[in-house]
Amino acid sequence: MDLSTKYLGLRLKNPIVVAACPLSRRIDNIKRMEDAGAGAVVLFSLFEEQIIQELLEESYHLHKSPTPSEIAGPDTWSHGPEEYLEHIRKAKKAVAIPIIASLNGSTINGWLQYARKIEEAGADGIELNMYYIGASPKDTSQSLEDKYIEIVKTVKSVKIPVSIKLSPYFTSLSHFAKRLDDAHIDGLVMFNRFYQPDFDLESLLAVPHVVLSHSIEMRLALRWVAILHGQVRTDLAGTGGIHTSEDALKMLMAGANVTMMCSALLRNGINFISDVVREMELWMEQHQYESVRKLIGTMSQKSIDDSSAMERANYIKILTSY
């Protein structure tokens, strides 16, 4: 049984990848991920705000300008840019599986510099986690897409592979995916799970709420992976709602090269990876799939008889079947 797959030009022993999450902040956890059978690990994200904070601190020491806390607020970060780079180095020494760094930002400034530093630190790849909301009525869909494309083209000057974690909120996702493909992105990760704010009725403040995903949420990514498979050359990764071996198998059959897990590991622990891998292997044996390669894309839009199942025509069938 061959569970290996290729993602971002990297050969992985299996398609279960740990998504960017707090668990990767500790090197011993990354070792446990490898021991449990993870094919690769995407590290927790380095945020644009952390880079700005470091630049402000450097400016203060050089020019004695106002302190960073006076400018940027009192927030502190457990892993600043330099600590993040050192974390990459330690992770690479600790494990043999690929280590993919995650950059979370929305602007050009500083990203090429840190992408190069991440490359120098030894990361096997970079995942661009662009968390940008077009909140201004002046932002057109074209201008937002152009901003993403510009960032991708800039960061792609590094030699290691680069993927982008997309949101589903684009006017024509297929068209935008093709634009990214033409910009030579190495991977599309679907989808970025934006954390929505809530209102506290006592403090009258907008507050963040972290809610872990559930399997039902994977259907959005499942649909788009199935649509894009075969229409773009770049690798595809499914994330958000991957909680079981069945979820992972479905995403692979839709056309994903890998499936990424976060909430399932936060709920069940890192060793849960071994259960998922073992159950996937058992299912493949029972259904006579000798390799993951032969499994990928078997339920994509281009492979099934009723391609309308992925599009609007299936809407009527769903409503009338209830």
Protein backbone atom coordinates (compact mmCIF):
# COMPACT_ATOMS: atom_id res chain seq x y z
CA MET A 1 0.00 0.00 0.00
CA ASP A 2 1.51 3.29 -1.16
CA LEU A 3 0.17 6.25 0.83
CA SER A 4 2.76 8.68 -0.50
CA THR A 5 1.80 11.84 -2.36
CA LYS A 6 3.46 14.89 -3.85
CA TYR A 7 2.69 18.40 -2.65
CA LEU A 8 4.57 21.58 -3.62
CA GLY A 9 7.14 19.40 -5.32
CA LEU A 10 7.80 17.62 -2.03
CA ARG A 11 7.35 13.88 -1.58
CA LEU A 12 5.25 13.15 1.51
CA LYS A 13 4.90 9.71 3.09
CA ASN A 14 1.14 10.26 3.32
CA PRO A 15 -1.36 13.07 2.60
CA ILE A 16 -2.15 14.03 6.21
CA VAL A 17 -0.59 17.44 6.87
CA VAL A 18 -0.85 19.34 10.14
CA ALA A 19 -2.36 22.73 9.34
CA ALA A 20 -1.03 25.96 10.84
CA CYS A 21 -2.09 25.84 14.49
CA PRO A 22 -0.80 26.54 18.02
CA LEU A 23 0.35 22.94 18.48
CA SER A 24 3.41 23.57 16.30
CA ARG A 25 4.74 26.22 18.69
CA ARG A 26 6.56 23.47 20.58
CA ILE A 27 9.33 21.42 19.01
CA ASP A 28 8.40 18.35 21.03
CA ASN A 29 4.89 18.55 19.55
CA ILE A 30 6.35 18.62 16.04
CA LYS A 31 8.35 15.49 16.91
CA ARG A 32 5.14 13.85 18.13
CA MET A 33 3.41 14.81 14.86
CA GLU A 34 6.11 13.03 12.90
CA ASP A 35 5.97 10.00 15.21
CA ALA A 36 2.16 9.87 14.83
CA GLY A 37 2.56 9.71 11.06
CA ALA A 38 2.03 13.25 9.76
CA GLY A 39 3.25 13.71 6.19
CA ALA A 40 4.28 17.34 6.79
CA VAL A 41 3.71 20.21 9.20
CA VAL A 42 2.65 23.77 8.43
CA LEU A 43 3.95 25.92 11.28
CA PHE A 44 1.82 28.47 13.12
CA SER A 45 1.71 31.79 11.28
CA LEU A 46 4.13 34.69 11.46
CA PHE A 47 1.86 37.74 11.40
CA GLU A 48 2.46 41.03 9.63
CA GLU A 49 1.84 42.81 12.94
CA GLN A 50 4.80 40.97 14.45
CA ILE A 51 7.08 42.18 11.68
CA ILE A 52 5.82 45.74 12.15
CA GLN A 53 6.39 45.45 15.90
CA GLU A 54 10.00 44.38 15.34
CA LEU A 55 10.59 47.23 12.87
CA LEU A 56 9.20 49.72 15.37
CA GLU A 57 11.48 48.38 18.07
CA GLU A 58 14.48 48.69 15.75
CA SER A 59 13.43 52.24 14.89
CA TYR A 60 13.16 53.12 18.57
CA HIS A 61 16.66 51.86 19.37
CA LEU A 62 18.13 53.64 16.35
CA HIS A 63 16.28 56.93 16.51
CA LYS A 64 14.83 57.10 20.04
CA SER A 65 11.35 57.58 18.57
CA PRO A 66 8.23 56.79 20.66
CA THR A 67 8.16 53.28 22.07
CA PRO A 68 6.49 50.54 20.04
CA SER A 69 3.80 50.17 22.71
CA GLU A 70 2.92 53.83 22.34
CA ILE A 71 2.50 53.37 18.60
CA ALA A 72 1.30 49.82 18.13
CA GLY A 73 -0.39 49.06 21.45
CA PRO A 74 0.58 46.80 24.34
CA ASP A 75 0.26 43.45 22.56
CA THR A 76 3.20 41.11 22.89
CA TRP A 77 4.07 38.06 20.83
CA SER A 78 5.54 34.80 22.04
CA HIS A 79 7.32 34.28 18.72
CA GLY A 80 8.62 37.37 16.94
CA PRO A 81 10.22 37.21 13.48
CA GLU A 82 13.69 36.21 14.69
CA GLU A 83 12.28 33.65 17.11
CA TYR A 84 10.16 32.27 14.27
CA LEU A 85 13.23 31.77 12.09
CA GLU A 86 15.03 30.01 14.93
CA HIS A 87 11.95 27.82 15.43
CA ILE A 88 12.19 26.74 11.79
CA ARG A 89 15.86 25.82 12.25
CA LYS A 90 15.12 23.77 15.36
CA ALA A 91 12.18 22.03 13.71
CA LYS A 92 14.26 21.08 10.68
CA LYS A 93 16.92 19.57 12.94
CA ALA A 94 14.33 17.70 14.99
CA VAL A 95 12.34 15.95 12.25
CA ALA A 96 12.74 14.56 8.73
CA ILE A 97 9.28 15.45 7.40
CA PRO A 98 8.81 18.72 5.46
CA ILE A 99 8.36 21.92 7.48
CA ILE A 100 6.28 24.61 5.77
CA ALA A 101 6.30 28.14 7.18
CA SER A 102 3.15 30.27 7.25
CA LEU A 103 3.09 34.01 6.57
CA ASN A 104 -0.07 35.87 7.51
CA GLY A 105 -0.36 39.29 5.92
CA SER A 106 -1.84 41.44 3.18
CA THR A 107 0.87 43.84 2.01
CA ILE A 108 4.00 43.70 -0.12
CA ASN A 109 6.33 45.55 2.29
CA GLY A 110 8.57 43.24 4.25
CA TRP A 111 7.20 39.98 2.87
CA LEU A 112 9.92 39.32 0.33
CA GLN A 113 12.55 40.06 2.98
CA TYR A 114 11.03 37.58 5.44
CA ALA A 115 10.27 35.02 2.76
CA ARG A 116 13.98 35.01 1.94
CA LYS A 117 14.88 34.71 5.62
CA ILE A 118 12.47 31.79 5.96
CA GLU A 119 14.14 30.16 2.98
CA GLU A 120 17.57 30.72 4.54
CA ALA A 121 16.33 29.23 7.81
CA GLY A 122 15.70 25.96 5.97
CA ALA A 123 11.92 25.80 5.54
CA ASP A 124 10.78 23.44 2.80
CA GLY A 125 8.04 25.80 1.64
CA ILE A 126 5.95 28.87 2.47
CA GLU A 127 2.19 29.09 2.84
CA LEU A 128 0.85 32.61 2.27
CA ASN A 129 -2.08 33.09 4.61
CA MET A 130 -3.48 36.38 3.30
CA TYR A 131 -6.18 37.44 5.69
CA TYR A 132 -7.58 40.44 3.86
CA ILE A 133 -11.18 41.69 3.95
CA GLY A 134 -12.26 44.17 1.27
CA ALA A 135 -14.24 46.30 3.69
CA SER A 136 -14.14 49.55 1.71
CA PRO A 137 -16.73 50.13 -1.03
CA LYS A 138 -13.82 51.48 -3.06
CA ASP A 139 -12.22 48.04 -3.19
CA THR A 140 -13.18 46.32 -6.42
CA SER A 141 -12.91 42.59 -6.99
CA GLN A 142 -10.27 43.30 -9.63
CA SER A 143 -8.16 45.42 -7.28
CA LEU A 144 -8.30 42.79 -4.53
CA GLU A 145 -7.26 40.03 -6.92
CA ASP A 146 -4.46 42.21 -8.29
CA LYS A 147 -3.13 42.76 -4.75
CA TYR A 148 -2.95 39.01 -4.17
CA ILE A 149 -1.29 38.40 -7.52
CA GLU A 150 1.30 41.10 -6.83
CA ILE A 151 2.20 39.54 -3.49
CA VAL A 152 2.45 36.08 -5.02
CA LYS A 153 4.70 37.25 -7.86
CA THR A 154 6.93 39.09 -5.38
CA VAL A 155 7.30 36.20 -2.93
CA LYS A 156 7.77 33.69 -5.76
CA SER A 157 11.27 35.06 -6.25
CA VAL A 158 12.37 32.63 -3.51
CA LYS A 159 13.51 29.20 -4.65
CA ILE A 160 11.39 27.15 -2.24
CA PRO A 161 7.77 26.38 -3.20
CA VAL A 162 5.02 28.84 -2.27
CA SER A 163 1.33 28.08 -1.69
CA ILE A 164 -1.53 30.43 -0.90
CA LYS A 165 -4.35 29.81 1.56
CA LEU A 166 -7.42 31.26 -0.11
CA SER A 167 -10.73 32.48 1.21
CA PRO A 168 -13.87 31.37 -0.67
CA TYR A 169 -15.08 34.96 -1.01
CA PHE A 170 -14.01 35.80 -4.55
CA THR A 171 -16.45 36.78 -7.28
CA SER A 172 -15.20 34.09 -9.66
CA LEU A 173 -13.03 31.67 -7.74
CA SER A 174 -12.21 29.52 -10.76
CA HIS A 175 -10.98 32.54 -12.72
CA PHE A 176 -8.90 33.77 -9.79
CA ALA A 177 -7.44 30.31 -9.25
CA LYS A 178 -6.39 30.29 -12.90
CA ARG A 179 -4.74 33.71 -12.46
CA LEU A 180 -2.78 32.37 -9.49
CA ASP A 181 -1.88 29.28 -11.50
CA ASP A 182 -0.60 31.51 -14.31
CA ALA A 183 1.47 33.39 -11.68
CA HIS A 184 3.17 30.01 -11.00
CA ILE A 185 1.85 29.50 -7.48
CA ASP A 186 2.85 26.02 -6.32
CA GLY A 187 -0.26 25.22 -4.30
CA LEU A 188 -3.79 26.39 -3.50
CA VAL A 189 -5.03 25.72 0.03
CA MET A 190 -8.82 25.83 0.38
CA PHE A 191 -10.06 27.46 2.49
CA ASN A 192 -8.93 30.07 4.97
CA ARG A 193 -11.35 29.91 7.88
CA PHE A 194 -11.81 33.54 8.88
CA TYR A 195 -12.56 34.05 12.55
CA GLN A 196 -15.67 36.21 12.83
CA PRO A 197 -16.02 38.80 15.61
CA ASP A 198 -18.86 38.76 18.10
CA PHE A 199 -20.39 41.52 20.26
CA ASP A 200 -20.21 41.49 24.04
CA LEU A 201 -23.50 43.00 25.21
CA GLU A 202 -22.07 43.97 28.62
CA SER A 203 -18.78 45.59 27.60
CA LEU A 204 -20.21 46.73 24.25
CA LEU A 205 -17.00 45.62 22.54
CA ALA A 206 -16.33 43.51 19.48
CA VAL A 207 -14.60 40.39 20.75
CA PRO A 208 -12.91 37.47 18.96
CA HIS A 209 -14.36 33.99 19.41
CA VAL A 210 -12.39 30.92 18.41
CA VAL A 211 -14.74 28.12 17.40
CA LEU A 212 -13.27 24.84 16.24
CA SER A 213 -14.49 23.45 12.94
CA HIS A 214 -16.78 20.46 12.32
CA SER A 215 -16.84 17.95 9.47
CA ILE A 216 -19.85 19.59 7.82
CA GLU A 217 -17.67 22.61 7.03
CA MET A 218 -15.46 20.65 4.66
CA ARG A 219 -18.15 20.57 1.97
CA LEU A 220 -17.30 24.02 0.65
CA ALA A 221 -13.67 23.07 0.08
CA LEU A 222 -14.72 19.63 -1.18
CA ARG A 223 -16.84 21.22 -3.88
CA TRP A 224 -14.17 23.64 -5.08
CA VAL A 225 -11.34 21.13 -5.00
CA ALA A 226 -13.51 18.86 -7.15
CA ILE A 227 -14.22 21.72 -9.57
CA LEU A 228 -10.61 22.93 -9.86
CA HIS A 229 -8.96 19.53 -10.13
CA GLY A 230 -7.77 19.21 -13.71
CA GLN A 231 -8.46 22.86 -14.50
CA VAL A 232 -5.31 24.19 -12.83
CA ARG A 233 -1.81 22.75 -12.86
CA THR A 234 -0.98 23.71 -9.29
CA ASP A 235 -1.33 21.33 -6.35
CA LEU A 236 -4.51 21.48 -4.27
CA ALA A 237 -4.88 21.13 -0.51
CA GLY A 238 -8.16 20.78 1.38
CA THR A 239 -8.46 22.23 4.87
CA GLY A 240 -11.22 23.21 7.28
CA GLY A 241 -13.48 20.46 8.62
CA ILE A 242 -11.14 17.51 8.06
CA HIS A 243 -11.85 15.48 11.21
CA THR A 244 -11.94 11.81 10.21
CA SER A 245 -10.36 9.36 7.81
CA GLU A 246 -13.59 9.54 5.79
CA ASP A 247 -13.22 13.32 5.49
CA ALA A 248 -9.63 12.95 4.31
CA LEU A 249 -10.52 10.25 1.78
CA LYS A 250 -13.34 12.35 0.33
CA MET A 251 -11.06 15.34 -0.10
CA LEU A 252 -8.44 13.24 -1.86
CA MET A 253 -11.08 11.74 -4.15
CA ALA A 254 -12.24 15.28 -4.96
CA GLY A 255 -8.72 16.00 -6.21
CA ALA A 256 -6.63 17.28 -3.31
CA ASN A 257 -2.97 16.27 -3.12
CA VAL A 258 -3.10 16.58 0.67
CA THR A 259 -5.60 17.17 3.44
CA MET A 260 -4.82 19.41 6.40
CA MET A 261 -5.96 18.92 10.00
CA CYS A 262 -6.09 21.38 12.89
CA SER A 263 -9.29 21.33 14.97
CA ALA A 264 -9.37 17.53 15.04
CA LEU A 265 -5.92 17.48 16.65
CA LEU A 266 -6.83 20.20 19.14
CA ARG A 267 -9.85 18.12 20.13
CA ASN A 268 -8.38 14.62 20.05
CA GLY A 269 -4.65 15.11 20.52
CA ILE A 270 -1.68 14.73 18.19
CA ASN A 271 -1.72 10.91 18.29
CA PHE A 272 -5.09 11.04 16.51
CA ILE A 273 -3.08 11.34 13.28
CA SER A 274 -2.06 7.67 13.55
CA ASP A 275 -5.72 6.62 13.82
CA VAL A 276 -6.62 8.56 10.69
CA VAL A 277 -3.71 7.16 8.67
CA ARG A 278 -4.44 3.59 9.79
CA GLU A 279 -8.15 3.87 8.97
CA MET A 280 -7.38 5.38 5.55
CA GLU A 281 -5.05 2.50 4.75
CA LEU A 282 -7.68 -0.04 5.84
CA TRP A 283 -10.38 1.56 3.68
CA MET A 284 -8.07 1.63 0.66
CA GLU A 285 -7.25 -2.05 1.11
CA GLN A 286 -10.94 -2.95 1.36
CA HIS A 287 -11.76 -0.95 -1.77
CA GLN A 288 -8.69 -2.12 -3.71
CA TYR A 289 -6.88 1.19 -4.07
CA GLU A 290 -3.20 0.31 -4.10
CA SER A 291 -2.01 3.92 -3.88
CA VAL A 292 -3.12 7.43 -2.95
CA ARG A 293 -2.06 8.51 -6.42
CA LYS A 294 -4.78 6.34 -7.97
CA LEU A 295 -7.33 7.67 -5.48
CA ILE A 296 -6.78 11.39 -6.11
CA GLY A 297 -9.40 13.00 -8.33
CA THR A 298 -11.60 9.94 -8.80
CA MET A 299 -14.64 11.96 -7.67
CA SER A 300 -13.64 15.29 -9.20
CA GLN A 301 -15.97 17.10 -11.56
CA LYS A 302 -14.05 15.90 -14.59
CA SER A 303 -14.24 12.26 -13.46
CA ILE A 304 -17.89 11.76 -12.52
CA ASP A 305 -20.78 11.27 -14.94
CA ASP A 306 -23.04 13.89 -13.37
CA SER A 307 -20.78 16.95 -13.34
CA SER A 308 -23.78 19.12 -12.44
CA ALA A 309 -23.50 17.72 -8.90
CA MET A 310 -20.84 20.36 -8.30
CA GLU A 311 -22.82 23.21 -9.85
CA ARG A 312 -26.19 24.96 -9.73
CA ALA A 313 -28.20 22.23 -11.47
CA ASN A 314 -27.90 20.02 -8.40
CA TYR A 315 -29.65 22.67 -6.31
CA ILE A 316 -33.11 21.57 -7.49
CA LYS A 317 -32.34 17.92 -6.82
CA ILE A 318 -31.31 18.68 -3.24
CA LEU A 319 -34.44 20.73 -2.49
CA THR A 320 -36.84 18.22 -4.02
CA SER A 321 -35.17 15.27 -2.28
CA TYR A 322 -35.90 16.52 1.23
